[in-house]
Amino acid sequence: MDKDISYGDDYKYIPATSVNSGAGLEILPNIYCYTVQIVNICFVGNPDTQDFVLVDSGMPGSADEIIAVTEERFGKGNFPKAIILTHGHFDHVGAVIDLVKYWKIPVYAHRLELPFLTGKESYPEPDPGVEGGLIAKASAIFPNDPINLGSSILEIPSDGSIPGMPDWRWIHTPGHSPGHISLYRDADRFLIAGDAFVTVKQDSLYKVMIQDREVHGPPRYFTTDWEAAMKSVQTLEALKPAIAVTGHGEPVHEEELSAGLAKLVDTFDQTAVPDYGRYVNRKEH
């Protein structure tokens, strides 16, 4: 593993939280969701076999917490086979460097995310001027410099397979970021959506804090391609998922999920796309 892997120069602790911070939920025997401040991570694998992967890696400064949760569920000394990243925004890679150094495991992401994960390119700046609540306004302070995972970051296989998740496939769901992926298990229609859509209005501080559950479009302050984001939601809705875990907010099931996704597809322009913002072109909508 590289000795010179590193976070971006602007990486720092972000003092944001929610009522679910520090809480874990076993959704199925082989899927455990845990909330780090305002973002969800997922452990996929059965605790009885200690054969598992971690999807996304929390907020900056959360490595010790994630390691403790991992050992509580899977046993001391056990660690994931790999980390799968839905994308590389700071709240999904916040602990990844520390975890890679501690566990010495590979990390997988879509090829279009690799520039942001190898120190080559920063994401477009977050937009604090976008229509939205206090979290959107505060997004100017969010870390945005690329991290460098060196040779620890690998391109996820182009055939749709996911290392360490044999019954799953990944789906390219861009819009929120260029190489954003969602993970899907056909057998039980389980979806790990990342930020392709979320289940809380993520730009609203109040709704994030109380985790007011609603199927909503991707976080506005980081989404740069709304046309692609809409198509990604349509792609995921067409799968007719039965359960979904998203990057922000609580899991949703069955009728609540299907009705919420159908409404989001039908009203995406009105409810998801901001009325104004740096990355919004209302002439296209």
Protein backbone atom coordinates (compact mmCIF):
# COMPACT_ATOMS: atom_id res chain seq x y z
CA MET A 1 0.00 0.00 0.00
CA ASP A 2 1.18 3.54 -0.72
CA LYS A 3 2.89 5.45 2.05
CA ASP A 4 1.98 8.79 0.50
CA ILE A 5 -1.78 8.35 0.26
CA SER A 6 -3.47 11.38 1.73
CA TYR A 7 -6.59 13.46 2.17
CA GLY A 8 -7.01 16.78 0.44
CA ASP A 9 -5.54 19.91 2.03
CA ASP A 10 -9.01 21.15 2.97
CA TYR A 11 -10.17 17.99 4.77
CA LYS A 12 -11.52 18.73 8.23
CA TYR A 13 -14.18 17.69 10.69
CA ILE A 14 -17.62 19.03 9.78
CA PRO A 15 -19.87 19.68 12.83
CA ALA A 16 -23.11 18.31 11.41
CA THR A 17 -25.32 15.69 13.01
CA SER A 18 -28.74 14.04 13.03
CA VAL A 19 -30.90 12.10 15.46
CA ASN A 20 -29.71 8.86 13.88
CA SER A 21 -26.00 9.57 14.26
CA GLY A 22 -24.29 6.60 15.91
CA ALA A 23 -27.22 4.27 15.29
CA GLY A 24 -27.04 1.01 13.37
CA LEU A 25 -29.84 -0.97 11.77
CA GLU A 26 -29.78 -4.56 10.57
CA ILE A 27 -32.06 -4.35 7.56
CA LEU A 28 -31.45 -7.98 6.57
CA PRO A 29 -29.14 -10.56 8.19
CA ASN A 30 -26.45 -9.68 5.65
CA ILE A 31 -27.02 -5.91 5.40
CA TYR A 32 -26.23 -3.53 8.23
CA CYS A 33 -26.64 0.23 7.84
CA TYR A 34 -24.89 2.65 10.18
CA THR A 35 -25.20 6.44 10.33
CA VAL A 36 -22.05 8.53 10.76
CA GLN A 37 -23.32 12.02 11.69
CA ILE A 38 -25.46 12.69 8.59
CA VAL A 39 -24.35 9.98 6.14
CA ASN A 40 -24.94 6.25 5.90
CA ILE A 41 -22.43 3.47 5.42
CA CYS A 42 -23.38 -0.14 4.70
CA PHE A 43 -21.82 -3.43 5.66
CA VAL A 44 -22.79 -6.14 3.17
CA GLY A 45 -22.07 -9.68 4.32
CA ASN A 46 -23.04 -12.19 6.97
CA PRO A 47 -21.48 -11.74 10.44
CA ASP A 48 -21.30 -15.52 10.83
CA THR A 49 -18.82 -15.84 7.98
CA GLN A 50 -16.86 -12.60 8.47
CA ASP A 51 -16.92 -12.29 4.67
CA PHE A 52 -18.10 -8.76 4.00
CA VAL A 53 -17.45 -5.44 2.28
CA LEU A 54 -18.00 -1.85 3.33
CA VAL A 55 -19.94 0.52 1.08
CA ASP A 56 -18.76 4.12 1.51
CA SER A 57 -16.66 5.38 4.39
CA GLY A 58 -18.33 8.13 6.33
CA MET A 59 -17.35 11.63 7.39
CA PRO A 60 -13.90 13.10 8.01
CA GLY A 61 -12.51 11.94 11.33
CA SER A 62 -14.81 8.93 11.67
CA ALA A 63 -12.30 6.09 11.17
CA ASP A 64 -12.13 5.02 14.83
CA GLU A 65 -15.92 4.94 15.02
CA ILE A 66 -16.20 2.85 11.85
CA ILE A 67 -13.52 0.42 13.03
CA ALA A 68 -15.33 0.02 16.36
CA VAL A 69 -18.66 -0.67 14.65
CA THR A 70 -16.99 -3.15 12.31
CA GLU A 71 -15.41 -5.08 15.18
CA GLU A 72 -18.63 -5.04 17.19
CA ARG A 73 -20.53 -6.65 14.31
CA PHE A 74 -17.90 -8.93 12.80
CA GLY A 75 -15.48 -9.54 15.65
CA LYS A 76 -12.21 -8.00 16.73
CA GLY A 77 -9.48 -8.35 14.13
CA ASN A 78 -11.91 -8.88 11.24
CA PHE A 79 -12.08 -6.38 8.42
CA PRO A 80 -13.83 -5.98 5.06
CA LYS A 81 -12.51 -7.55 1.87
CA ALA A 82 -12.84 -4.18 0.16
CA ILE A 83 -14.43 -0.75 0.31
CA ILE A 84 -16.86 0.07 -2.49
CA LEU A 85 -17.44 3.77 -3.11
CA THR A 86 -20.68 5.02 -4.62
CA HIS A 87 -18.74 8.22 -5.34
CA GLY A 88 -15.95 10.35 -3.90
CA HIS A 89 -17.57 13.34 -2.20
CA PHE A 90 -16.07 14.14 1.20
CA ASP A 91 -18.96 12.66 3.19
CA HIS A 92 -18.56 9.29 1.46
CA VAL A 93 -14.75 9.04 1.60
CA GLY A 94 -14.22 10.88 4.89
CA ALA A 95 -12.43 8.02 6.68
CA VAL A 96 -11.17 6.03 3.70
CA ILE A 97 -7.47 6.91 3.94
CA ASP A 98 -7.30 5.94 7.62
CA LEU A 99 -9.27 2.75 6.98
CA VAL A 100 -7.01 1.71 4.10
CA LYS A 101 -3.93 2.32 6.21
CA TYR A 102 -5.38 0.30 9.09
CA TRP A 103 -6.96 -2.57 7.17
CA LYS A 104 -4.70 -2.60 4.08
CA ILE A 105 -7.55 -3.37 1.72
CA PRO A 106 -8.43 -2.20 -1.82
CA VAL A 107 -11.00 0.42 -2.67
CA TYR A 108 -13.17 0.29 -5.81
CA ALA A 109 -14.90 3.12 -7.67
CA HIS A 110 -16.11 3.94 -11.17
CA ARG A 111 -13.37 5.04 -13.58
CA LEU A 112 -14.91 8.53 -13.86
CA GLU A 113 -14.38 9.03 -10.12
CA LEU A 114 -10.71 8.06 -10.21
CA PRO A 115 -9.34 11.59 -10.90
CA PHE A 116 -10.97 12.77 -7.66
CA LEU A 117 -9.51 9.82 -5.74
CA THR A 118 -5.94 9.97 -7.04
CA GLY A 119 -5.19 13.61 -6.33
CA LYS A 120 -5.55 14.72 -9.94
CA GLU A 121 -8.74 16.75 -10.01
CA SER A 122 -11.13 18.50 -7.64
CA TYR A 123 -14.88 18.18 -7.99
CA PRO A 124 -16.72 21.28 -9.17
CA GLU A 125 -17.13 23.64 -6.23
CA PRO A 126 -20.25 23.14 -4.09
CA ASP A 127 -22.88 25.78 -4.66
CA PRO A 128 -23.88 27.67 -1.49
CA GLY A 129 -26.05 29.94 -3.64
CA VAL A 130 -28.32 27.14 -4.82
CA GLU A 131 -31.99 27.20 -3.80
CA GLY A 132 -32.18 25.35 -0.49
CA GLY A 133 -31.82 25.46 3.27
CA LEU A 134 -29.00 26.09 5.72
CA ILE A 135 -26.89 23.06 4.79
CA ALA A 136 -26.83 24.26 1.21
CA LYS A 137 -25.75 27.70 2.43
CA ALA A 138 -22.98 26.13 4.53
CA SER A 139 -21.66 23.97 1.70
CA ALA A 140 -18.92 26.50 0.93
CA ILE A 141 -16.97 25.10 3.90
CA PHE A 142 -17.26 21.47 2.78
CA PRO A 143 -13.99 19.76 1.76
CA ASN A 144 -13.60 19.59 -2.00
CA ASP A 145 -9.93 18.90 -2.71
CA PRO A 146 -9.20 15.48 -4.23
CA ILE A 147 -7.88 12.74 -2.00
CA ASN A 148 -5.07 10.46 -3.13
CA LEU A 149 -5.54 6.74 -2.64
CA GLY A 150 -2.63 5.89 -4.91
CA SER A 151 -2.55 2.23 -5.93
CA SER A 152 -5.15 1.37 -3.27
CA ILE A 153 -7.93 2.64 -5.55
CA LEU A 154 -9.00 0.34 -8.36
CA GLU A 155 -11.51 0.72 -11.15
CA ILE A 156 -14.61 -1.31 -10.45
CA PRO A 157 -14.99 -4.04 -13.11
CA SER A 158 -16.64 -2.74 -16.26
CA ASP A 159 -18.86 -5.83 -16.56
CA GLY A 160 -21.08 -4.63 -13.71
CA SER A 161 -19.77 -7.09 -11.12
CA ILE A 162 -18.73 -5.91 -7.66
CA PRO A 163 -15.68 -7.39 -5.89
CA GLY A 164 -16.75 -9.10 -2.69
CA MET A 165 -20.46 -8.81 -3.57
CA PRO A 166 -21.11 -11.79 -5.89
CA ASP A 167 -24.90 -11.47 -6.01
CA TRP A 168 -24.87 -7.76 -6.77
CA ARG A 169 -24.28 -5.53 -9.77
CA TRP A 170 -23.43 -1.87 -10.06
CA ILE A 171 -25.35 0.62 -12.16
CA HIS A 172 -23.89 3.89 -13.44
CA THR A 173 -26.11 6.64 -12.02
CA PRO A 174 -24.36 9.94 -12.85
CA GLY A 175 -25.58 13.45 -12.22
CA HIS A 176 -24.66 13.98 -8.60
CA SER A 177 -21.11 13.13 -9.67
CA PRO A 178 -19.73 11.87 -12.99
CA GLY A 179 -18.93 8.33 -11.85
CA HIS A 180 -21.65 7.85 -9.27
CA ILE A 181 -22.82 4.24 -9.00
CA SER A 182 -25.70 2.50 -7.27
CA LEU A 183 -25.61 -1.15 -6.18
CA TYR A 184 -28.45 -3.59 -6.84
CA ARG A 185 -29.25 -7.16 -5.88
CA ASP A 186 -31.79 -8.66 -8.25
CA ALA A 187 -32.72 -11.59 -6.00
CA ASP A 188 -34.53 -9.43 -3.44
CA ARG A 189 -34.55 -6.09 -5.29
CA PHE A 190 -32.34 -4.45 -2.70
CA LEU A 191 -30.89 -1.08 -3.75
CA ILE A 192 -27.99 0.85 -2.28
CA ALA A 193 -28.58 4.14 -4.07
CA GLY A 194 -25.78 6.35 -2.76
CA ASP A 195 -26.81 9.93 -3.49
CA ALA A 196 -28.60 9.25 -6.78
CA PHE A 197 -31.65 9.97 -4.66
CA VAL A 198 -31.92 10.35 -0.90
CA THR A 199 -34.64 9.96 1.72
CA VAL A 200 -34.28 13.30 3.45
CA LYS A 201 -34.23 16.82 2.05
CA GLN A 202 -30.47 17.08 2.46
CA ASP A 203 -30.12 20.84 1.99
CA SER A 204 -32.43 21.53 4.97
CA LEU A 205 -30.66 21.56 8.35
CA TYR A 206 -33.91 20.99 10.26
CA LYS A 207 -35.02 18.03 8.15
CA VAL A 208 -31.56 16.48 8.30
CA MET A 209 -31.41 16.83 12.08
CA ILE A 210 -34.80 15.18 12.64
CA GLN A 211 -34.40 12.82 9.65
CA ASP A 212 -37.79 13.70 8.19
CA ARG A 213 -38.24 10.83 5.74
CA GLU A 214 -39.18 11.56 2.13
CA VAL A 215 -37.89 10.30 -1.20
CA HIS A 216 -36.02 13.29 -2.60
CA GLY A 217 -33.62 14.13 -5.39
CA PRO A 218 -29.84 14.20 -4.85
CA PRO A 219 -28.26 16.82 -2.57
CA ARG A 220 -28.57 20.10 -4.45
CA TYR A 221 -25.35 21.81 -3.43
CA PHE A 222 -23.11 19.11 -4.98
CA THR A 223 -25.21 18.02 -7.98
CA THR A 224 -23.82 19.48 -11.20
CA ASP A 225 -25.71 17.69 -14.00
CA TRP A 226 -29.44 17.72 -13.43
CA GLU A 227 -30.33 16.12 -16.77
CA ALA A 228 -28.16 13.11 -15.93
CA ALA A 229 -29.48 13.05 -12.37
CA MET A 230 -33.05 12.83 -13.64
CA LYS A 231 -32.21 9.98 -16.00
CA SER A 232 -30.48 8.13 -13.17
CA VAL A 233 -33.58 8.36 -10.98
CA GLN A 234 -35.66 7.06 -13.89
CA THR A 235 -33.25 4.14 -14.28
CA LEU A 236 -33.50 3.22 -10.61
CA GLU A 237 -37.28 3.61 -10.49
CA ALA A 238 -37.58 1.23 -13.45
CA LEU A 239 -35.90 -1.49 -11.37
CA LYS A 240 -38.88 -1.43 -8.99
CA PRO A 241 -36.68 -1.87 -5.90
CA ALA A 242 -38.29 -3.34 -2.80
CA ILE A 243 -35.86 -1.83 -0.27
CA ALA A 244 -33.50 1.10 -0.64
CA VAL A 245 -30.70 2.45 1.51
CA THR A 246 -29.56 5.89 0.42
CA GLY A 247 -26.55 7.98 1.36
CA HIS A 248 -28.64 10.28 3.54
CA GLY A 249 -31.86 9.52 5.37
CA GLU A 250 -33.56 6.37 6.59
CA PRO A 251 -34.13 3.14 4.62
CA VAL A 252 -37.42 2.92 2.74
CA HIS A 253 -39.42 -0.18 1.88
CA GLU A 254 -42.08 -1.50 -0.48
CA GLU A 255 -45.06 0.83 -1.06
CA GLU A 256 -43.43 3.88 0.51
CA LEU A 257 -40.43 3.41 -1.76
CA SER A 258 -42.34 2.65 -4.95
CA ALA A 259 -44.77 5.52 -4.45
CA GLY A 260 -41.97 7.90 -3.49
CA LEU A 261 -39.84 7.01 -6.50
CA ALA A 262 -42.78 7.22 -8.89
CA LYS A 263 -43.64 10.68 -7.54
CA LEU A 264 -40.02 11.78 -7.76
CA VAL A 265 -39.82 10.72 -11.40
CA ASP A 266 -43.08 12.53 -12.20
CA THR A 267 -42.17 15.73 -10.35
CA PHE A 268 -38.37 15.76 -10.64
CA ASP A 269 -38.28 19.14 -12.36
CA GLN A 270 -40.44 20.74 -9.68
CA THR A 271 -39.20 19.00 -6.51
CA ALA A 272 -35.60 18.00 -7.17
CA VAL A 273 -34.16 20.56 -9.59
CA PRO A 274 -33.54 23.89 -7.83
CA ASP A 275 -35.18 27.03 -9.17
CA TYR A 276 -31.76 28.65 -9.34
CA GLY A 277 -28.13 27.80 -8.79
CA ARG A 278 -24.70 27.68 -10.40
CA TYR A 279 -25.38 24.35 -12.11
CA VAL A 280 -29.02 24.93 -13.01
CA ASN A 281 -30.07 25.80 -16.53
CA ARG A 282 -33.82 26.31 -16.35
CA LYS A 283 -34.03 26.64 -20.14
CA GLU A 284 -33.40 22.89 -20.29
CA HIS A 285 -36.23 22.05 -17.88
